Amino acid sequence: MAKLKVTYTKSAIGYTVKQKGTIRALGLKKLQQTVEHDDNPVIRGMVKKVEHLVEVEEVN
């Protein structure tokens, strides 16, 4: 199964509480932190909501 590598690149300060919650739900706590998740529609939707704050890379 493919994986997504999500890197937290821009601070969530000044953005909505929902977007901050999505960043937390993805497992991101600090800037430049990277986490890996299975590629599924739930994670894709979460990334889509905060695409301006994160960088996403597909990994096999």
PDB file of N, CA and C in Angstrom:
ATOM      1  N   MET A   1       0.840  -1.187   0.000  1.00  0.00           N
ATOM      2  CA  MET A   1       0.000   0.000   0.000  1.00  0.00           C
ATOM      3  C   MET A   1       0.885   1.251   0.000  1.00  0.00           C
ATOM      4  N   ALA A   2       0.470   2.238  -0.741  1.00  0.00           N
ATOM      5  CA  ALA A   2       1.219   3.493  -0.813  1.00  0.00           C
ATOM      6  C   ALA A   2       1.078   4.264   0.494  1.00  0.00           C
ATOM      7  N   LYS A   3       2.046   5.096   0.734  1.00  0.00           N
ATOM      8  CA  LYS A   3       2.034   5.941   1.928  1.00  0.00           C
ATOM      9  C   LYS A   3       2.196   7.391   1.514  1.00  0.00           C
ATOM     10  N   LEU A   4       1.770   8.279   2.386  1.00  0.00           N
ATOM     11  CA  LEU A   4       1.946   9.713   2.187  1.00  0.00           C
ATOM     12  C   LEU A   4       2.891  10.231   3.257  1.00  0.00           C
ATOM     13  N   LYS A   5       3.877  10.994   2.840  1.00  0.00           N
ATOM     14  CA  LYS A   5       4.788  11.651   3.773  1.00  0.00           C
ATOM     15  C   LYS A   5       4.330  13.104   3.872  1.00  0.00           C
ATOM     16  N   VAL A   6       3.879  13.513   5.051  1.00  0.00           N
ATOM     17  CA  VAL A   6       3.332  14.847   5.271  1.00  0.00           C
ATOM     18  C   VAL A   6       4.303  15.637   6.145  1.00  0.00           C
ATOM     19  N   THR A   7       4.726  16.809   5.649  1.00  0.00           N
ATOM     20  CA  THR A   7       5.653  17.670   6.376  1.00  0.00           C
ATOM     21  C   THR A   7       4.967  18.986   6.713  1.00  0.00           C
ATOM     22  N   TYR A   8       5.049  19.370   7.965  1.00  0.00           N
ATOM     23  CA  TYR A   8       4.448  20.610   8.469  1.00  0.00           C
ATOM     24  C   TYR A   8       5.385  21.761   8.115  1.00  0.00           C
ATOM     25  N   THR A   9       4.996  22.624   7.163  1.00  0.00           N
ATOM     26  CA  THR A   9       5.908  23.642   6.642  1.00  0.00           C
ATOM     27  C   THR A   9       5.564  25.073   7.030  1.00  0.00           C
ATOM     28  N   LYS A  10       4.310  25.353   7.367  1.00  0.00           N
ATOM     29  CA  LYS A  10       3.911  26.721   7.692  1.00  0.00           C
ATOM     30  C   LYS A  10       3.072  26.710   8.968  1.00  0.00           C
ATOM     31  N   SER A  11       3.299  27.681   9.827  1.00  0.00           N
ATOM     32  CA  SER A  11       2.595  27.758  11.101  1.00  0.00           C
ATOM     33  C   SER A  11       1.093  27.951  10.926  1.00  0.00           C
ATOM     34  N   ALA A  12       0.322  27.374  11.836  1.00  0.00           N
ATOM     35  CA  ALA A  12      -1.129  27.477  11.804  1.00  0.00           C
ATOM     36  C   ALA A  12      -1.646  28.682  12.594  1.00  0.00           C
ATOM     37  N   ILE A  13      -0.740  29.506  13.107  1.00  0.00           N
ATOM     38  CA  ILE A  13      -1.152  30.702  13.842  1.00  0.00           C
ATOM     39  C   ILE A  13      -1.933  31.610  12.897  1.00  0.00           C
ATOM     40  N   GLY A  14      -3.083  32.050  13.335  1.00  0.00           N
ATOM     41  CA  GLY A  14      -3.903  32.934  12.515  1.00  0.00           C
ATOM     42  C   GLY A  14      -4.919  32.195  11.658  1.00  0.00           C
ATOM     43  N   TYR A  15      -4.908  30.869  11.695  1.00  0.00           N
ATOM     44  CA  TYR A  15      -5.867  30.076  10.947  1.00  0.00           C
ATOM     45  C   TYR A  15      -6.939  29.553  11.904  1.00  0.00           C
ATOM     46  N   THR A  16      -7.969  28.961  11.358  1.00  0.00           N
ATOM     47  CA  THR A  16      -9.114  28.550  12.173  1.00  0.00           C
ATOM     48  C   THR A  16      -8.767  27.406  13.128  1.00  0.00           C
ATOM     49  N   VAL A  17      -9.587  27.262  14.140  1.00  0.00           N
ATOM     50  CA  VAL A  17      -9.412  26.198  15.124  1.00  0.00           C
ATOM     51  C   VAL A  17      -9.542  24.834  14.451  1.00  0.00           C
ATOM     52  N   LYS A  18     -10.425  24.721  13.469  1.00  0.00           N
ATOM     53  CA  LYS A  18     -10.587  23.449  12.746  1.00  0.00           C
ATOM     54  C   LYS A  18      -9.306  23.061  12.020  1.00  0.00           C
ATOM     55  N   GLN A  19      -8.645  24.031  11.402  1.00  0.00           N
ATOM     56  CA  GLN A  19      -7.407  23.730  10.692  1.00  0.00           C
ATOM     57  C   GLN A  19      -6.296  23.354  11.670  1.00  0.00           C
ATOM     58  N   LYS A  20      -6.244  24.015  12.803  1.00  0.00           N
ATOM     59  CA  LYS A  20      -5.269  23.654  13.832  1.00  0.00           C
ATOM     60  C   LYS A  20      -5.528  22.236  14.332  1.00  0.00           C
ATOM     61  N   GLY A  21      -6.800  21.895  14.490  1.00  0.00           N
ATOM     62  CA  GLY A  21      -7.170  20.548  14.922  1.00  0.00           C
ATOM     63  C   GLY A  21      -6.796  19.493  13.897  1.00  0.00           C
ATOM     64  N   THR A  22      -6.924  19.825  12.627  1.00  0.00           N
ATOM     65  CA  THR A  22      -6.553  18.895  11.564  1.00  0.00           C
ATOM     66  C   THR A  22      -5.051  18.644  11.568  1.00  0.00           C
ATOM     67  N   ILE A  23      -4.276  19.686  11.791  1.00  0.00           N
ATOM     68  CA  ILE A  23      -2.817  19.531  11.886  1.00  0.00           C
ATOM     69  C   ILE A  23      -2.472  18.582  13.033  1.00  0.00           C
ATOM     70  N   ARG A  24      -3.120  18.776  14.176  1.00  0.00           N
ATOM     71  CA  ARG A  24      -2.898  17.899  15.339  1.00  0.00           C
ATOM     72  C   ARG A  24      -3.321  16.461  15.037  1.00  0.00           C
ATOM     73  N   ALA A  25      -4.466  16.309  14.370  1.00  0.00           N
ATOM     74  CA  ALA A  25      -4.992  14.980  14.060  1.00  0.00           C
ATOM     75  C   ALA A  25      -4.070  14.227  13.099  1.00  0.00           C
ATOM     76  N   LEU A  26      -3.348  14.964  12.278  1.00  0.00           N
ATOM     77  CA  LEU A  26      -2.376  14.332  11.385  1.00  0.00           C
ATOM     78  C   LEU A  26      -1.122  13.898  12.146  1.00  0.00           C
ATOM     79  N   GLY A  27      -1.007  14.312  13.402  1.00  0.00           N
ATOM     80  CA  GLY A  27       0.133  13.923  14.223  1.00  0.00           C
ATOM     81  C   GLY A  27       1.274  14.907  14.161  1.00  0.00           C
ATOM     82  N   LEU A  28       1.004  16.115  13.675  1.00  0.00           N
ATOM     83  CA  LEU A  28       2.049  17.126  13.537  1.00  0.00           C
ATOM     84  C   LEU A  28       2.019  18.072  14.731  1.00  0.00           C
ATOM     85  N   LYS A  29       3.188  18.283  15.340  1.00  0.00           N
ATOM     86  CA  LYS A  29       3.276  19.149  16.515  1.00  0.00           C
ATOM     87  C   LYS A  29       4.226  20.312  16.318  1.00  0.00           C
ATOM     88  N   LYS A  30       5.308  20.098  15.596  1.00  0.00           N
ATOM     89  CA  LYS A  30       6.321  21.138  15.405  1.00  0.00           C
ATOM     90  C   LYS A  30       6.545  21.396  13.921  1.00  0.00           C
ATOM     91  N   LEU A  31       6.953  22.598  13.601  1.00  0.00           N
ATOM     92  CA  LEU A  31       7.289  22.920  12.221  1.00  0.00           C
ATOM     93  C   LEU A  31       8.424  22.022  11.735  1.00  0.00           C
ATOM     94  N   GLN A  32       8.388  21.693  10.468  1.00  0.00           N
ATOM     95  CA  GLN A  32       9.360  20.831   9.795  1.00  0.00           C
ATOM     96  C   GLN A  32       9.285  19.375  10.256  1.00  0.00           C
ATOM     97  N   GLN A  33       8.295  19.017  11.065  1.00  0.00           N
ATOM     98  CA  GLN A  33       8.106  17.630  11.459  1.00  0.00           C
ATOM     99  C   GLN A  33       7.476  16.875  10.302  1.00  0.00           C
ATOM    100  N   THR A  34       7.881  15.621  10.117  1.00  0.00           N
ATOM    101  CA  THR A  34       7.349  14.790   9.047  1.00  0.00           C
ATOM    102  C   THR A  34       6.740  13.533   9.642  1.00  0.00           C
ATOM    103  N   VAL A  35       5.561  13.154   9.145  1.00  0.00           N
ATOM    104  CA  VAL A  35       4.905  11.917   9.553  1.00  0.00           C
ATOM    105  C   VAL A  35       4.488  11.152   8.302  1.00  0.00           C
ATOM    106  N   GLU A  36       4.343   9.841   8.445  1.00  0.00           N
ATOM    107  CA  GLU A  36       3.869   9.010   7.339  1.00  0.00           C
ATOM    108  C   GLU A  36       2.515   8.426   7.701  1.00  0.00           C
ATOM    109  N   HIS A  37       1.621   8.431   6.713  1.00  0.00           N
ATOM    110  CA  HIS A  37       0.290   7.856   6.876  1.00  0.00           C
ATOM    111  C   HIS A  37      -0.018   6.986   5.680  1.00  0.00           C
ATOM    112  N   ASP A  38      -0.878   5.982   5.875  1.00  0.00           N
ATOM    113  CA  ASP A  38      -1.368   5.209   4.741  1.00  0.00           C
ATOM    114  C   ASP A  38      -2.173   6.124   3.832  1.00  0.00           C
ATOM    115  N   ASP A  39      -2.075   5.878   2.541  1.00  0.00           N
ATOM    116  CA  ASP A  39      -2.802   6.687   1.564  1.00  0.00           C
ATOM    117  C   ASP A  39      -4.240   6.189   1.489  1.00  0.00           C
ATOM    118  N   ASN A  40      -5.162   6.927   2.101  1.00  0.00           N
ATOM    119  CA  ASN A  40      -6.578   6.585   2.038  1.00  0.00           C
ATOM    120  C   ASN A  40      -7.395   7.873   1.953  1.00  0.00           C
ATOM    121  N   PRO A  41      -8.663   7.768   1.610  1.00  0.00           N
ATOM    122  CA  PRO A  41      -9.481   8.978   1.422  1.00  0.00           C
ATOM    123  C   PRO A  41      -9.585   9.872   2.651  1.00  0.00           C
ATOM    124  N   VAL A  42      -9.535   9.307   3.840  1.00  0.00           N
ATOM    125  CA  VAL A  42      -9.643  10.104   5.062  1.00  0.00           C
ATOM    126  C   VAL A  42      -8.428  11.024   5.198  1.00  0.00           C
ATOM    127  N   ILE A  43      -7.248  10.460   5.043  1.00  0.00           N
ATOM    128  CA  ILE A  43      -6.015  11.250   5.154  1.00  0.00           C
ATOM    129  C   ILE A  43      -5.930  12.254   4.015  1.00  0.00           C
ATOM    130  N   ARG A  44      -6.314  11.850   2.803  1.00  0.00           N
ATOM    131  CA  ARG A  44      -6.308  12.770   1.656  1.00  0.00           C
ATOM    132  C   ARG A  44      -7.209  13.976   1.930  1.00  0.00           C
ATOM    133  N   GLY A  45      -8.364  13.744   2.528  1.00  0.00           N
ATOM    134  CA  GLY A  45      -9.284  14.832   2.847  1.00  0.00           C
ATOM    135  C   GLY A  45      -8.712  15.775   3.887  1.00  0.00           C
ATOM    136  N   MET A  46      -8.041  15.207   4.893  1.00  0.00           N
ATOM    137  CA  MET A  46      -7.426  16.032   5.930  1.00  0.00           C
ATOM    138  C   MET A  46      -6.312  16.892   5.331  1.00  0.00           C
ATOM    139  N   VAL A  47      -5.512  16.305   4.467  1.00  0.00           N
ATOM    140  CA  VAL A  47      -4.423  17.041   3.822  1.00  0.00           C
ATOM    141  C   VAL A  47      -4.985  18.147   2.938  1.00  0.00           C
ATOM    142  N   LYS A  48      -6.083  17.864   2.253  1.00  0.00           N
ATOM    143  CA  LYS A  48      -6.702  18.861   1.373  1.00  0.00           C
ATOM    144  C   LYS A  48      -7.146  20.092   2.167  1.00  0.00           C
ATOM    145  N   LYS A  49      -7.616  19.899   3.388  1.00  0.00           N
ATOM    146  CA  LYS A  49      -8.072  21.017   4.224  1.00  0.00           C
ATOM    147  C   LYS A  49      -6.937  21.924   4.685  1.00  0.00           C
ATOM    148  N   VAL A  50      -5.734  21.369   4.777  1.00  0.00           N
ATOM    149  CA  VAL A  50      -4.598  22.168   5.255  1.00  0.00           C
ATOM    150  C   VAL A  50      -3.445  22.155   4.253  1.00  0.00           C
ATOM    151  N   GLU A  51      -3.760  22.047   2.975  1.00  0.00           N
ATOM    152  CA  GLU A  51      -2.715  21.935   1.954  1.00  0.00           C
ATOM    153  C   GLU A  51      -1.809  23.165   1.893  1.00  0.00           C
ATOM    154  N   HIS A  52      -2.274  24.298   2.388  1.00  0.00           N
ATOM    155  CA  HIS A  52      -1.470  25.513   2.405  1.00  0.00           C
ATOM    156  C   HIS A  52      -0.473  25.524   3.573  1.00  0.00           C
ATOM    157  N   LEU A  53      -0.599  24.572   4.482  1.00  0.00           N
ATOM    158  CA  LEU A  53       0.279  24.512   5.652  1.00  0.00           C
ATOM    159  C   LEU A  53       1.259  23.341   5.614  1.00  0.00           C
ATOM    160  N   VAL A  54       1.010  22.389   4.727  1.00  0.00           N
ATOM    161  CA  VAL A  54       1.831  21.172   4.680  1.00  0.00           C
ATOM    162  C   VAL A  54       2.346  20.909   3.272  1.00  0.00           C
ATOM    163  N   GLU A  55       3.337  20.026   3.215  1.00  0.00           N
ATOM    164  CA  GLU A  55       3.875  19.544   1.950  1.00  0.00           C
ATOM    165  C   GLU A  55       3.682  18.035   1.944  1.00  0.00           C
ATOM    166  N   VAL A  56       3.199  17.496   0.826  1.00  0.00           N
ATOM    167  CA  VAL A  56       2.872  16.072   0.763  1.00  0.00           C
ATOM    168  C   VAL A  56       3.693  15.402  -0.330  1.00  0.00           C
ATOM    169  N   GLU A  57       4.180  14.201  -0.008  1.00  0.00           N
ATOM    170  CA  GLU A  57       4.968  13.423  -0.950  1.00  0.00           C
ATOM    171  C   GLU A  57       4.467  11.986  -0.889  1.00  0.00           C
ATOM    172  N   GLU A  58       4.299  11.348  -2.047  1.00  0.00           N
ATOM    173  CA  GLU A  58       3.892   9.948  -2.084  1.00  0.00           C
ATOM    174  C   GLU A  58       5.122   9.067  -1.989  1.00  0.00           C
ATOM    175  N   VAL A  59       5.030   8.029  -1.161  1.00  0.00           N
ATOM    176  CA  VAL A  59       6.124   7.091  -0.948  1.00  0.00           C
ATOM    177  C   VAL A  59       5.582   5.693  -1.186  1.00  0.00           C
ATOM    178  N   ASN A  60       6.364   4.849  -1.839  1.00  0.00           N
ATOM    179  CA  ASN A  60       5.916   3.460  -2.064  1.00  0.00           C
ATOM    180  C   ASN A  60       6.305   2.552  -0.942  1.00  0.00           C
TER     181      ASN A  60
END
